[in-house]
Amino acid sequence: MKKLKTTNPELVSLIRFLKKASRENNAEIWRDIAEKLYASKRRRVAVNLSRINRYTKKGDYVAVPGKVLGTGTLEHAVKVAAFSFSEKAKEKIRKVRGSCLTFQQLVKKNPKGSNVKVIG
């Protein structure tokens, strides 16, 4: 196994969890998300709510391998899993009756990763 460069213990455990979930459930999506999270902090994605609104519809599951920011509006309820959320983004997602999930919760709900959109 490669030695991880990051020193954030939460991120290290998340990457290991996603790789394990990928192997156990034979789902490549979790490995791809883990690889994107493995990138340096400068290269990790930051996605605004306006982009999530543009590429999703009501009831979709969205995975963001980085941070969700609160710029823009969200007009429909979606379930968003991300490494971190800004406070404004959490408020806006909950305001439209969406939900903010961790990757562990998303893997538990949908182990195969079917119908999950990766944005970022």
PDB file of N, CA and C in Angstrom:
ATOM      1  N   MET A   1       0.832  -1.171   0.000  1.00  0.00           N
ATOM      2  CA  MET A   1       0.000   0.000   0.000  1.00  0.00           C
ATOM      3  C   MET A   1       0.884   1.245   0.000  1.00  0.00           C
ATOM      4  N   LYS A   2       0.475   2.276  -0.776  1.00  0.00           N
ATOM      5  CA  LYS A   2       1.214   3.527  -0.832  1.00  0.00           C
ATOM      6  C   LYS A   2       1.179   4.248   0.504  1.00  0.00           C
ATOM      7  N   LYS A   3       2.249   4.927   0.829  1.00  0.00           N
ATOM      8  CA  LYS A   3       2.254   5.737   2.035  1.00  0.00           C
ATOM      9  C   LYS A   3       1.496   7.023   1.737  1.00  0.00           C
ATOM     10  N   LEU A   4       0.516   7.335   2.575  1.00  0.00           N
ATOM     11  CA  LEU A   4      -0.272   8.537   2.367  1.00  0.00           C
ATOM     12  C   LEU A   4       0.528   9.770   2.746  1.00  0.00           C
ATOM     13  N   LYS A   5       0.367  10.838   1.972  1.00  0.00           N
ATOM     14  CA  LYS A   5       1.090  12.075   2.214  1.00  0.00           C
ATOM     15  C   LYS A   5       0.376  12.966   3.215  1.00  0.00           C
ATOM     16  N   THR A   6      -0.921  12.834   3.309  1.00  0.00           N
ATOM     17  CA  THR A   6      -1.691  13.704   4.181  1.00  0.00           C
ATOM     18  C   THR A   6      -1.485  13.328   5.647  1.00  0.00           C
ATOM     19  N   THR A   7      -1.597  14.322   6.510  1.00  0.00           N
ATOM     20  CA  THR A   7      -1.434  14.072   7.936  1.00  0.00           C
ATOM     21  C   THR A   7      -2.746  14.226   8.684  1.00  0.00           C
ATOM     22  N   ASN A   8      -3.824  14.547   7.988  1.00  0.00           N
ATOM     23  CA  ASN A   8      -5.138  14.682   8.612  1.00  0.00           C
ATOM     24  C   ASN A   8      -5.664  13.281   8.927  1.00  0.00           C
ATOM     25  N   PRO A   9      -5.769  12.918  10.209  1.00  0.00           N
ATOM     26  CA  PRO A   9      -6.182  11.545  10.544  1.00  0.00           C
ATOM     27  C   PRO A   9      -7.598  11.209  10.077  1.00  0.00           C
ATOM     28  N   GLU A  10      -8.485  12.192  10.062  1.00  0.00           N
ATOM     29  CA  GLU A  10      -9.857  11.968   9.589  1.00  0.00           C
ATOM     30  C   GLU A  10      -9.857  11.618   8.103  1.00  0.00           C
ATOM     31  N   LEU A  11      -9.053  12.341   7.324  1.00  0.00           N
ATOM     32  CA  LEU A  11      -8.968  12.096   5.887  1.00  0.00           C
ATOM     33  C   LEU A  11      -8.313  10.750   5.594  1.00  0.00           C
ATOM     34  N   VAL A  12      -7.286  10.398   6.340  1.00  0.00           N
ATOM     35  CA  VAL A  12      -6.604   9.118   6.150  1.00  0.00           C
ATOM     36  C   VAL A  12      -7.570   7.968   6.402  1.00  0.00           C
ATOM     37  N   SER A  13      -8.332   8.042   7.487  1.00  0.00           N
ATOM     38  CA  SER A  13      -9.278   6.956   7.783  1.00  0.00           C
ATOM     39  C   SER A  13     -10.394   6.897   6.746  1.00  0.00           C
ATOM     40  N   LEU A  14     -10.835   8.055   6.229  1.00  0.00           N
ATOM     41  CA  LEU A  14     -11.871   8.071   5.192  1.00  0.00           C
ATOM     42  C   LEU A  14     -11.363   7.418   3.909  1.00  0.00           C
ATOM     43  N   ILE A  15     -10.137   7.721   3.506  1.00  0.00           N
ATOM     44  CA  ILE A  15      -9.575   7.134   2.290  1.00  0.00           C
ATOM     45  C   ILE A  15      -9.466   5.614   2.435  1.00  0.00           C
ATOM     46  N   ARG A  16      -9.007   5.152   3.579  1.00  0.00           N
ATOM     47  CA  ARG A  16      -8.905   3.706   3.814  1.00  0.00           C
ATOM     48  C   ARG A  16     -10.278   3.050   3.824  1.00  0.00           C
ATOM     49  N   PHE A  17     -11.265   3.721   4.431  1.00  0.00           N
ATOM     50  CA  PHE A  17     -12.627   3.189   4.466  1.00  0.00           C
ATOM     51  C   PHE A  17     -13.191   3.056   3.055  1.00  0.00           C
ATOM     52  N   LEU A  18     -13.002   4.080   2.220  1.00  0.00           N
ATOM     53  CA  LEU A  18     -13.530   4.044   0.852  1.00  0.00           C
ATOM     54  C   LEU A  18     -12.857   2.965   0.015  1.00  0.00           C
ATOM     55  N   LYS A  19     -11.560   2.790   0.167  1.00  0.00           N
ATOM     56  CA  LYS A  19     -10.866   1.737  -0.584  1.00  0.00           C
ATOM     57  C   LYS A  19     -11.353   0.355  -0.153  1.00  0.00           C
ATOM     58  N   LYS A  20     -11.574   0.184   1.143  1.00  0.00           N
ATOM     59  CA  LYS A  20     -12.081  -1.091   1.641  1.00  0.00           C
ATOM     60  C   LYS A  20     -13.498  -1.349   1.124  1.00  0.00           C
ATOM     61  N   ALA A  21     -14.350  -0.313   1.128  1.00  0.00           N
ATOM     62  CA  ALA A  21     -15.715  -0.446   0.618  1.00  0.00           C
ATOM     63  C   ALA A  21     -15.709  -0.779  -0.869  1.00  0.00           C
ATOM     64  N   SER A  22     -14.764  -0.225  -1.598  1.00  0.00           N
ATOM     65  CA  SER A  22     -14.640  -0.507  -3.029  1.00  0.00           C
ATOM     66  C   SER A  22     -14.314  -1.977  -3.263  1.00  0.00           C
ATOM     67  N   ARG A  23     -13.382  -2.511  -2.480  1.00  0.00           N
ATOM     68  CA  ARG A  23     -13.010  -3.926  -2.631  1.00  0.00           C
ATOM     69  C   ARG A  23     -14.145  -4.852  -2.223  1.00  0.00           C
ATOM     70  N   GLU A  24     -14.779  -4.561  -1.072  1.00  0.00           N
ATOM     71  CA  GLU A  24     -15.812  -5.460  -0.550  1.00  0.00           C
ATOM     72  C   GLU A  24     -17.066  -5.482  -1.411  1.00  0.00           C
ATOM     73  N   ASN A  25     -17.457  -4.325  -1.940  1.00  0.00           N
ATOM     74  CA  ASN A  25     -18.700  -4.224  -2.699  1.00  0.00           C
ATOM     75  C   ASN A  25     -18.492  -4.261  -4.202  1.00  0.00           C
ATOM     76  N   ASN A  26     -17.228  -4.405  -4.628  1.00  0.00           N
ATOM     77  CA  ASN A  26     -16.905  -4.421  -6.046  1.00  0.00           C
ATOM     78  C   ASN A  26     -17.482  -3.184  -6.748  1.00  0.00           C
ATOM     79  N   ALA A  27     -17.260  -2.022  -6.137  1.00  0.00           N
ATOM     80  CA  ALA A  27     -17.775  -0.754  -6.662  1.00  0.00           C
ATOM     81  C   ALA A  27     -16.607   0.200  -6.893  1.00  0.00           C
ATOM     82  N   GLU A  28     -16.313   0.467  -8.151  1.00  0.00           N
ATOM     83  CA  GLU A  28     -15.182   1.323  -8.514  1.00  0.00           C
ATOM     84  C   GLU A  28     -15.374   2.779  -8.086  1.00  0.00           C
ATOM     85  N   ILE A  29     -16.616   3.213  -7.904  1.00  0.00           N
ATOM     86  CA  ILE A  29     -16.884   4.616  -7.570  1.00  0.00           C
ATOM     87  C   ILE A  29     -16.205   5.028  -6.273  1.00  0.00           C
ATOM     88  N   TRP A  30     -16.171   4.139  -5.275  1.00  0.00           N
ATOM     89  CA  TRP A  30     -15.576   4.498  -3.988  1.00  0.00           C
ATOM     90  C   TRP A  30     -14.052   4.627  -4.106  1.00  0.00           C
ATOM     91  N   ARG A  31     -13.436   3.793  -4.950  1.00  0.00           N
ATOM     92  CA  ARG A  31     -11.994   3.899  -5.173  1.00  0.00           C
ATOM     93  C   ARG A  31     -11.661   5.207  -5.889  1.00  0.00           C
ATOM     94  N   ASP A  32     -12.488   5.587  -6.868  1.00  0.00           N
ATOM     95  CA  ASP A  32     -12.265   6.836  -7.596  1.00  0.00           C
ATOM     96  C   ASP A  32     -12.370   8.041  -6.668  1.00  0.00           C
ATOM     97  N   ILE A  33     -13.352   8.028  -5.777  1.00  0.00           N
ATOM     98  CA  ILE A  33     -13.512   9.131  -4.828  1.00  0.00           C
ATOM     99  C   ILE A  33     -12.324   9.174  -3.875  1.00  0.00           C
ATOM    100  N   ALA A  34     -11.854   8.009  -3.430  1.00  0.00           N
ATOM    101  CA  ALA A  34     -10.692   7.954  -2.542  1.00  0.00           C
ATOM    102  C   ALA A  34      -9.453   8.524  -3.231  1.00  0.00           C
ATOM    103  N   GLU A  35      -9.281   8.219  -4.505  1.00  0.00           N
ATOM    104  CA  GLU A  35      -8.140   8.754  -5.256  1.00  0.00           C
ATOM    105  C   GLU A  35      -8.229  10.272  -5.370  1.00  0.00           C
ATOM    106  N   LYS A  36      -9.426  10.805  -5.572  1.00  0.00           N
ATOM    107  CA  LYS A  36      -9.585  12.260  -5.661  1.00  0.00           C
ATOM    108  C   LYS A  36      -9.342  12.926  -4.306  1.00  0.00           C
ATOM    109  N   LEU A  37      -9.730  12.267  -3.223  1.00  0.00           N
ATOM    110  CA  LEU A  37      -9.479  12.813  -1.892  1.00  0.00           C
ATOM    111  C   LEU A  37      -7.996  12.752  -1.540  1.00  0.00           C
ATOM    112  N   TYR A  38      -7.270  11.834  -2.150  1.00  0.00           N
ATOM    113  CA  TYR A  38      -5.849  11.668  -1.897  1.00  0.00           C
ATOM    114  C   TYR A  38      -5.028  12.835  -2.428  1.00  0.00           C
ATOM    115  N   ALA A  39      -5.589  13.622  -3.342  1.00  0.00           N
ATOM    116  CA  ALA A  39      -4.880  14.763  -3.925  1.00  0.00           C
ATOM    117  C   ALA A  39      -4.524  15.780  -2.843  1.00  0.00           C
ATOM    118  N   SER A  40      -3.551  16.608  -3.150  1.00  0.00           N
ATOM    119  CA  SER A  40      -3.148  17.638  -2.194  1.00  0.00           C
ATOM    120  C   SER A  40      -4.312  18.600  -1.948  1.00  0.00           C
ATOM    121  N   LYS A  41      -4.230  19.322  -0.840  1.00  0.00           N
ATOM    122  CA  LYS A  41      -5.320  20.216  -0.451  1.00  0.00           C
ATOM    123  C   LYS A  41      -5.566  21.281  -1.523  1.00  0.00           C
ATOM    124  N   ARG A  42      -4.528  21.714  -2.181  1.00  0.00           N
ATOM    125  CA  ARG A  42      -4.673  22.726  -3.232  1.00  0.00           C
ATOM    126  C   ARG A  42      -5.456  22.195  -4.428  1.00  0.00           C
ATOM    127  N   ARG A  43      -5.317  20.903  -4.699  1.00  0.00           N
ATOM    128  CA  ARG A  43      -5.962  20.314  -5.875  1.00  0.00           C
ATOM    129  C   ARG A  43      -7.332  19.710  -5.571  1.00  0.00           C
ATOM    130  N   ARG A  44      -7.693  19.648  -4.285  1.00  0.00           N
ATOM    131  CA  ARG A  44      -8.989  19.096  -3.907  1.00  0.00           C
ATOM    132  C   ARG A  44     -10.096  20.045  -4.364  1.00  0.00           C
ATOM    133  N   VAL A  45     -11.224  19.512  -4.745  1.00  0.00           N
ATOM    134  CA  VAL A  45     -12.282  20.332  -5.339  1.00  0.00           C
ATOM    135  C   VAL A  45     -13.088  21.077  -4.279  1.00  0.00           C
ATOM    136  N   ALA A  46     -13.631  22.208  -4.709  1.00  0.00           N
ATOM    137  CA  ALA A  46     -14.592  22.970  -3.921  1.00  0.00           C
ATOM    138  C   ALA A  46     -15.755  23.245  -4.854  1.00  0.00           C
ATOM    139  N   VAL A  47     -16.943  22.765  -4.508  1.00  0.00           N
ATOM    140  CA  VAL A  47     -18.108  22.836  -5.389  1.00  0.00           C
ATOM    141  C   VAL A  47     -19.149  23.753  -4.768  1.00  0.00           C
ATOM    142  N   ASN A  48     -19.657  24.675  -5.576  1.00  0.00           N
ATOM    143  CA  ASN A  48     -20.720  25.564  -5.123  1.00  0.00           C
ATOM    144  C   ASN A  48     -22.083  24.906  -5.306  1.00  0.00           C
ATOM    145  N   LEU A  49     -23.042  25.351  -4.503  1.00  0.00           N
ATOM    146  CA  LEU A  49     -24.401  24.808  -4.599  1.00  0.00           C
ATOM    147  C   LEU A  49     -25.022  25.048  -5.969  1.00  0.00           C
ATOM    148  N   SER A  50     -24.645  26.141  -6.629  1.00  0.00           N
ATOM    149  CA  SER A  50     -25.198  26.423  -7.952  1.00  0.00           C
ATOM    150  C   SER A  50     -24.851  25.313  -8.942  1.00  0.00           C
ATOM    151  N   ARG A  51     -23.640  24.739  -8.834  1.00  0.00           N
ATOM    152  CA  ARG A  51     -23.251  23.646  -9.727  1.00  0.00           C
ATOM    153  C   ARG A  51     -24.043  22.384  -9.403  1.00  0.00           C
ATOM    154  N   ILE A  52     -24.244  22.103  -8.109  1.00  0.00           N
ATOM    155  CA  ILE A  52     -25.045  20.941  -7.715  1.00  0.00           C
ATOM    156  C   ILE A  52     -26.465  21.099  -8.234  1.00  0.00           C
ATOM    157  N   ASN A  53     -27.010  22.308  -8.138  1.00  0.00           N
ATOM    158  CA  ASN A  53     -28.360  22.580  -8.620  1.00  0.00           C
ATOM    159  C   ASN A  53     -28.459  22.365 -10.129  1.00  0.00           C
ATOM    160  N   ARG A  54     -27.423  22.760 -10.858  1.00  0.00           N
ATOM    161  CA  ARG A  54     -27.428  22.681 -12.317  1.00  0.00           C
ATOM    162  C   ARG A  54     -27.403  21.245 -12.822  1.00  0.00           C
ATOM    163  N   TYR A  55     -26.667  20.353 -12.157  1.00  0.00           N
ATOM    164  CA  TYR A  55     -26.456  19.003 -12.678  1.00  0.00           C
ATOM    165  C   TYR A  55     -27.260  17.911 -11.989  1.00  0.00           C
ATOM    166  N   THR A  56     -28.177  18.270 -11.107  1.00  0.00           N
ATOM    167  CA  THR A  56     -28.967  17.255 -10.412  1.00  0.00           C
ATOM    168  C   THR A  56     -30.448  17.544 -10.536  1.00  0.00           C
ATOM    169  N   LYS A  57     -31.234  16.555 -10.120  1.00  0.00           N
ATOM    170  CA  LYS A  57     -32.676  16.758 -10.010  1.00  0.00           C
ATOM    171  C   LYS A  57     -33.115  16.273  -8.635  1.00  0.00           C
ATOM    172  N   LYS A  58     -34.358  16.451  -8.313  1.00  0.00           N
ATOM    173  CA  LYS A  58     -34.866  16.139  -6.981  1.00  0.00           C
ATOM    174  C   LYS A  58     -34.626  14.670  -6.617  1.00  0.00           C
ATOM    175  N   GLY A  59     -34.111  14.460  -5.407  1.00  0.00           N
ATOM    176  CA  GLY A  59     -33.908  13.112  -4.894  1.00  0.00           C
ATOM    177  C   GLY A  59     -32.591  12.452  -5.269  1.00  0.00           C
ATOM    178  N   ASP A  60     -31.724  13.135  -6.022  1.00  0.00           N
ATOM    179  CA  ASP A  60     -30.450  12.547  -6.432  1.00  0.00           C
ATOM    180  C   ASP A  60     -29.483  12.435  -5.257  1.00  0.00           C
ATOM    181  N   TYR A  61     -28.578  11.464  -5.359  1.00  0.00           N
ATOM    182  CA  TYR A  61     -27.457  11.342  -4.438  1.00  0.00           C
ATOM    183  C   TYR A  61     -26.243  11.959  -5.115  1.00  0.00           C
ATOM    184  N   VAL A  62     -25.525  12.823  -4.394  1.00  0.00           N
ATOM    185  CA  VAL A  62     -24.363  13.513  -4.944  1.00  0.00           C
ATOM    186  C   VAL A  62     -23.167  13.263  -4.032  1.00  0.00           C
ATOM    187  N   ALA A  63     -22.015  12.948  -4.628  1.00  0.00           N
ATOM    188  CA  ALA A  63     -20.771  12.784  -3.875  1.00  0.00           C
ATOM    189  C   ALA A  63     -19.795  13.862  -4.327  1.00  0.00           C
ATOM    190  N   VAL A  64     -19.250  14.598  -3.371  1.00  0.00           N
ATOM    191  CA  VAL A  64     -18.280  15.652  -3.660  1.00  0.00           C
ATOM    192  C   VAL A  64     -16.975  15.307  -2.940  1.00  0.00           C
ATOM    193  N   PRO A  65     -15.921  14.942  -3.671  1.00  0.00           N
ATOM    194  CA  PRO A  65     -14.653  14.600  -3.027  1.00  0.00           C
ATOM    195  C   PRO A  65     -13.863  15.850  -2.642  1.00  0.00           C
ATOM    196  N   GLY A  66     -14.433  16.643  -1.771  1.00  0.00           N
ATOM    197  CA  GLY A  66     -13.822  17.896  -1.338  1.00  0.00           C
ATOM    198  C   GLY A  66     -14.805  18.643  -0.463  1.00  0.00           C
ATOM    199  N   LYS A  67     -14.925  19.947  -0.709  1.00  0.00           N
ATOM    200  CA  LYS A  67     -15.767  20.794   0.125  1.00  0.00           C
ATOM    201  C   LYS A  67     -16.937  21.353  -0.671  1.00  0.00           C
ATOM    202  N   VAL A  68     -18.097  21.458  -0.019  1.00  0.00           N
ATOM    203  CA  VAL A  68     -19.275  22.076  -0.624  1.00  0.00           C
ATOM    204  C   VAL A  68     -19.386  23.487  -0.061  1.00  0.00           C
ATOM    205  N   LEU A  69     -19.471  24.465  -0.964  1.00  0.00           N
ATOM    206  CA  LEU A  69     -19.567  25.867  -0.578  1.00  0.00           C
ATOM    207  C   LEU A  69     -20.981  26.382  -0.812  1.00  0.00           C
ATOM    208  N   GLY A  70     -21.351  27.450  -0.135  1.00  0.00           N
ATOM    209  CA  GLY A  70     -22.729  27.928  -0.144  1.00  0.00           C
ATOM    210  C   GLY A  70     -23.072  28.958  -1.195  1.00  0.00           C
ATOM    211  N   THR A  71     -22.244  29.180  -2.195  1.00  0.00           N
ATOM    212  CA  THR A  71     -22.533  30.169  -3.223  1.00  0.00           C
ATOM    213  C   THR A  71     -23.594  29.636  -4.177  1.00  0.00           C
ATOM    214  N   GLY A  72     -24.576  30.467  -4.477  1.00  0.00           N
ATOM    215  CA  GLY A  72     -25.651  30.067  -5.380  1.00  0.00           C
ATOM    216  C   GLY A  72     -26.867  29.586  -4.617  1.00  0.00           C
ATOM    217  N   THR A  73     -27.847  29.123  -5.369  1.00  0.00           N
ATOM    218  CA  THR A  73     -29.079  28.641  -4.743  1.00  0.00           C
ATOM    219  C   THR A  73     -29.293  27.182  -5.096  1.00  0.00           C
ATOM    220  N   LEU A  74     -30.026  26.515  -4.235  1.00  0.00           N
ATOM    221  CA  LEU A  74     -30.417  25.127  -4.462  1.00  0.00           C
ATOM    222  C   LEU A  74     -31.939  25.121  -4.466  1.00  0.00           C
ATOM    223  N   GLU A  75     -32.526  24.623  -5.551  1.00  0.00           N
ATOM    224  CA  GLU A  75     -33.972  24.709  -5.719  1.00  0.00           C
ATOM    225  C   GLU A  75     -34.705  23.405  -5.479  1.00  0.00           C
ATOM    226  N   HIS A  76     -33.982  22.317  -5.245  1.00  0.00           N
ATOM    227  CA  HIS A  76     -34.630  21.025  -5.008  1.00  0.00           C
ATOM    228  C   HIS A  76     -33.833  20.233  -3.980  1.00  0.00           C
ATOM    229  N   ALA A  77     -34.497  19.263  -3.365  1.00  0.00           N
ATOM    230  CA  ALA A  77     -33.869  18.471  -2.305  1.00  0.00           C
ATOM    231  C   ALA A  77     -32.958  17.407  -2.901  1.00  0.00           C
ATOM    232  N   VAL A  78     -31.711  17.391  -2.471  1.00  0.00           N
ATOM    233  CA  VAL A  78     -30.753  16.360  -2.859  1.00  0.00           C
ATOM    234  C   VAL A  78     -30.026  15.885  -1.608  1.00  0.00           C
ATOM    235  N   LYS A  79     -29.448  14.709  -1.705  1.00  0.00           N
ATOM    236  CA  LYS A  79     -28.658  14.158  -0.606  1.00  0.00           C
ATOM    237  C   LYS A  79     -27.199  14.279  -1.002  1.00  0.00           C
ATOM    238  N   VAL A  80     -26.457  15.090  -0.276  1.00  0.00           N
ATOM    239  CA  VAL A  80     -25.082  15.414  -0.632  1.00  0.00           C
ATOM    240  C   VAL A  80     -24.116  14.810   0.382  1.00  0.00           C
ATOM    241  N   ALA A  81     -23.131  14.060  -0.106  1.00  0.00           N
ATOM    242  CA  ALA A  81     -22.057  13.537   0.732  1.00  0.00           C
ATOM    243  C   ALA A  81     -20.778  14.246   0.317  1.00  0.00           C
ATOM    244  N   ALA A  82     -20.031  14.747   1.307  1.00  0.00           N
ATOM    245  CA  ALA A  82     -18.791  15.456   1.012  1.00  0.00           C
ATOM    246  C   ALA A  82     -17.830  15.299   2.175  1.00  0.00           C
ATOM    247  N   PHE A  83     -16.559  15.636   1.921  1.00  0.00           N
ATOM    248  CA  PHE A  83     -15.575  15.591   2.997  1.00  0.00           C
ATOM    249  C   PHE A  83     -15.869  16.689   4.012  1.00  0.00           C
ATOM    250  N   SER A  84     -16.272  17.874   3.520  1.00  0.00           N
ATOM    251  CA  SER A  84     -16.644  18.949   4.437  1.00  0.00           C
ATOM    252  C   SER A  84     -17.645  19.887   3.762  1.00  0.00           C
ATOM    253  N   PHE A  85     -18.366  20.617   4.598  1.00  0.00           N
ATOM    254  CA  PHE A  85     -19.381  21.568   4.150  1.00  0.00           C
ATOM    255  C   PHE A  85     -19.126  22.911   4.824  1.00  0.00           C
ATOM    256  N   SER A  86     -19.416  24.005   4.116  1.00  0.00           N
ATOM    257  CA  SER A  86     -19.416  25.300   4.785  1.00  0.00           C
ATOM    258  C   SER A  86     -20.748  25.422   5.528  1.00  0.00           C
ATOM    259  N   GLU A  87     -20.793  26.272   6.521  1.00  0.00           N
ATOM    260  CA  GLU A  87     -22.023  26.438   7.307  1.00  0.00           C
ATOM    261  C   GLU A  87     -23.172  26.937   6.432  1.00  0.00           C
ATOM    262  N   LYS A  88     -22.880  27.865   5.517  1.00  0.00           N
ATOM    263  CA  LYS A  88     -23.910  28.405   4.622  1.00  0.00           C
ATOM    264  C   LYS A  88     -24.476  27.308   3.731  1.00  0.00           C
ATOM    265  N   ALA A  89     -23.615  26.417   3.251  1.00  0.00           N
ATOM    266  CA  ALA A  89     -24.067  25.320   2.393  1.00  0.00           C
ATOM    267  C   ALA A  89     -24.993  24.385   3.163  1.00  0.00           C
ATOM    268  N   LYS A  90     -24.635  24.062   4.409  1.00  0.00           N
ATOM    269  CA  LYS A  90     -25.490  23.200   5.223  1.00  0.00           C
ATOM    270  C   LYS A  90     -26.867  23.824   5.418  1.00  0.00           C
ATOM    271  N   GLU A  91     -26.888  25.123   5.716  1.00  0.00           N
ATOM    272  CA  GLU A  91     -28.166  25.835   5.911  1.00  0.00           C
ATOM    273  C   GLU A  91     -29.031  25.751   4.663  1.00  0.00           C
ATOM    274  N   LYS A  92     -28.438  26.052   3.513  1.00  0.00           N
ATOM    275  CA  LYS A  92     -29.206  26.082   2.267  1.00  0.00           C
ATOM    276  C   LYS A  92     -29.704  24.696   1.864  1.00  0.00           C
ATOM    277  N   ILE A  93     -28.891  23.659   2.089  1.00  0.00           N
ATOM    278  CA  ILE A  93     -29.311  22.291   1.748  1.00  0.00           C
ATOM    279  C   ILE A  93     -30.474  21.873   2.635  1.00  0.00           C
ATOM    280  N   ARG A  94     -30.380  22.153   3.920  1.00  0.00           N
ATOM    281  CA  ARG A  94     -31.460  21.785   4.843  1.00  0.00           C
ATOM    282  C   ARG A  94     -32.721  22.613   4.612  1.00  0.00           C
ATOM    283  N   LYS A  95     -32.552  23.842   4.144  1.00  0.00           N
ATOM    284  CA  LYS A  95     -33.694  24.724   3.888  1.00  0.00           C
ATOM    285  C   LYS A  95     -34.629  24.144   2.819  1.00  0.00           C
ATOM    286  N   VAL A  96     -34.064  23.461   1.819  1.00  0.00           N
ATOM    287  CA  VAL A  96     -34.884  22.856   0.756  1.00  0.00           C
ATOM    288  C   VAL A  96     -35.189  21.387   1.055  1.00  0.00           C
ATOM    289  N   ARG A  97     -34.999  20.983   2.325  1.00  0.00           N
ATOM    290  CA  ARG A  97     -35.267  19.618   2.801  1.00  0.00           C
ATOM    291  C   ARG A  97     -34.338  18.568   2.209  1.00  0.00           C
ATOM    292  N   GLY A  98     -33.112  18.976   1.891  1.00  0.00           N
ATOM    293  CA  GLY A  98     -32.091  18.026   1.467  1.00  0.00           C
ATOM    294  C   GLY A  98     -31.347  17.528   2.691  1.00  0.00           C
ATOM    295  N   SER A  99     -30.312  16.741   2.485  1.00  0.00           N
ATOM    296  CA  SER A  99     -29.548  16.274   3.634  1.00  0.00           C
ATOM    297  C   SER A  99     -28.053  16.270   3.321  1.00  0.00           C
ATOM    298  N   CYS A 100     -27.268  16.539   4.356  1.00  0.00           N
ATOM    299  CA  CYS A 100     -25.810  16.516   4.289  1.00  0.00           C
ATOM    300  C   CYS A 100     -25.341  15.216   4.923  1.00  0.00           C
ATOM    301  N   LEU A 101     -24.647  14.394   4.140  1.00  0.00           N
ATOM    302  CA  LEU A 101     -24.207  13.085   4.613  1.00  0.00           C
ATOM    303  C   LEU A 101     -22.691  13.007   4.668  1.00  0.00           C
ATOM    304  N   THR A 102     -22.206  12.070   5.457  1.00  0.00           N
ATOM    305  CA  THR A 102     -20.787  11.716   5.389  1.00  0.00           C
ATOM    306  C   THR A 102     -20.666  10.589   4.363  1.00  0.00           C
ATOM    307  N   PHE A 103     -19.438  10.325   3.932  1.00  0.00           N
ATOM    308  CA  PHE A 103     -19.254   9.229   2.979  1.00  0.00           C
ATOM    309  C   PHE A 103     -19.588   7.885   3.605  1.00  0.00           C
ATOM    310  N   GLN A 104     -19.356   7.744   4.911  1.00  0.00           N
ATOM    311  CA  GLN A 104     -19.695   6.498   5.586  1.00  0.00           C
ATOM    312  C   GLN A 104     -21.202   6.244   5.525  1.00  0.00           C
ATOM    313  N   GLN A 105     -21.999   7.301   5.734  1.00  0.00           N
ATOM    314  CA  GLN A 105     -23.452   7.160   5.668  1.00  0.00           C
ATOM    315  C   GLN A 105     -23.898   6.821   4.249  1.00  0.00           C
ATOM    316  N   LEU A 106     -23.277   7.445   3.256  1.00  0.00           N
ATOM    317  CA  LEU A 106     -23.646   7.184   1.862  1.00  0.00           C
ATOM    318  C   LEU A 106     -23.310   5.743   1.472  1.00  0.00           C
ATOM    319  N   VAL A 107     -22.150   5.252   1.887  1.00  0.00           N
ATOM    320  CA  VAL A 107     -21.768   3.872   1.564  1.00  0.00           C
ATOM    321  C   VAL A 107     -22.713   2.896   2.254  1.00  0.00           C
ATOM    322  N   LYS A 108     -23.127   3.214   3.466  1.00  0.00           N
ATOM    323  CA  LYS A 108     -24.053   2.341   4.192  1.00  0.00           C
ATOM    324  C   LYS A 108     -25.413   2.285   3.497  1.00  0.00           C
ATOM    325  N   LYS A 109     -25.891   3.434   2.989  1.00  0.00           N
ATOM    326  CA  LYS A 109     -27.186   3.479   2.301  1.00  0.00           C
ATOM    327  C   LYS A 109     -27.120   2.861   0.910  1.00  0.00           C
ATOM    328  N   ASN A 110     -25.994   3.028   0.233  1.00  0.00           N
ATOM    329  CA  ASN A 110     -25.870   2.601  -1.149  1.00  0.00           C
ATOM    330  C   ASN A 110     -24.493   1.964  -1.371  1.00  0.00           C
ATOM    331  N   PRO A 111     -24.295   0.695  -0.928  1.00  0.00           N
ATOM    332  CA  PRO A 111     -22.957   0.086  -0.991  1.00  0.00           C
ATOM    333  C   PRO A 111     -22.396  -0.065  -2.398  1.00  0.00           C
ATOM    334  N   LYS A 112     -23.232  -0.286  -3.389  1.00  0.00           N
ATOM    335  CA  LYS A 112     -22.750  -0.448  -4.762  1.00  0.00           C
ATOM    336  C   LYS A 112     -22.462   0.886  -5.434  1.00  0.00           C
ATOM    337  N   GLY A 113     -22.984   1.984  -4.869  1.00  0.00           N
ATOM    338  CA  GLY A 113     -22.741   3.301  -5.458  1.00  0.00           C
ATOM    339  C   GLY A 113     -23.558   3.578  -6.704  1.00  0.00           C
ATOM    340  N   SER A 114     -24.654   2.835  -6.877  1.00  0.00           N
ATOM    341  CA  SER A 114     -25.468   3.049  -8.070  1.00  0.00           C
ATOM    342  C   SER A 114     -26.275   4.344  -7.935  1.00  0.00           C
ATOM    343  N   ASN A 115     -26.420   5.041  -9.025  1.00  0.00           N
ATOM    344  CA  ASN A 115     -27.158   6.311  -9.102  1.00  0.00           C
ATOM    345  C   ASN A 115     -26.578   7.393  -8.196  1.00  0.00           C
ATOM    346  N   VAL A 116     -25.273   7.382  -8.024  1.00  0.00           N
ATOM    347  CA  VAL A 116     -24.589   8.442  -7.275  1.00  0.00           C
ATOM    348  C   VAL A 116     -23.816   9.276  -8.283  1.00  0.00           C
ATOM    349  N   LYS A 117     -24.063  10.582  -8.278  1.00  0.00           N
ATOM    350  CA  LYS A 117     -23.352  11.484  -9.185  1.00  0.00           C
ATOM    351  C   LYS A 117     -22.156  12.080  -8.460  1.00  0.00           C
ATOM    352  N   VAL A 118     -20.993  11.972  -9.067  1.00  0.00           N
ATOM    353  CA  VAL A 118     -19.784  12.584  -8.507  1.00  0.00           C
ATOM    354  C   VAL A 118     -19.606  13.927  -9.181  1.00  0.00           C
ATOM    355  N   ILE A 119     -19.618  14.977  -8.397  1.00  0.00           N
ATOM    356  CA  ILE A 119     -19.462  16.328  -8.930  1.00  0.00           C
ATOM    357  C   ILE A 119     -18.177  16.905  -8.390  1.00  0.00           C
ATOM    358  N   GLY A 120     -17.322  17.332  -9.298  1.00  0.00           N
ATOM    359  CA  GLY A 120     -16.077  17.970  -8.885  1.00  0.00           C
ATOM    360  C   GLY A 120     -14.873  17.324  -9.483  1.00  0.00           C
TER     361      GLY A 120
END
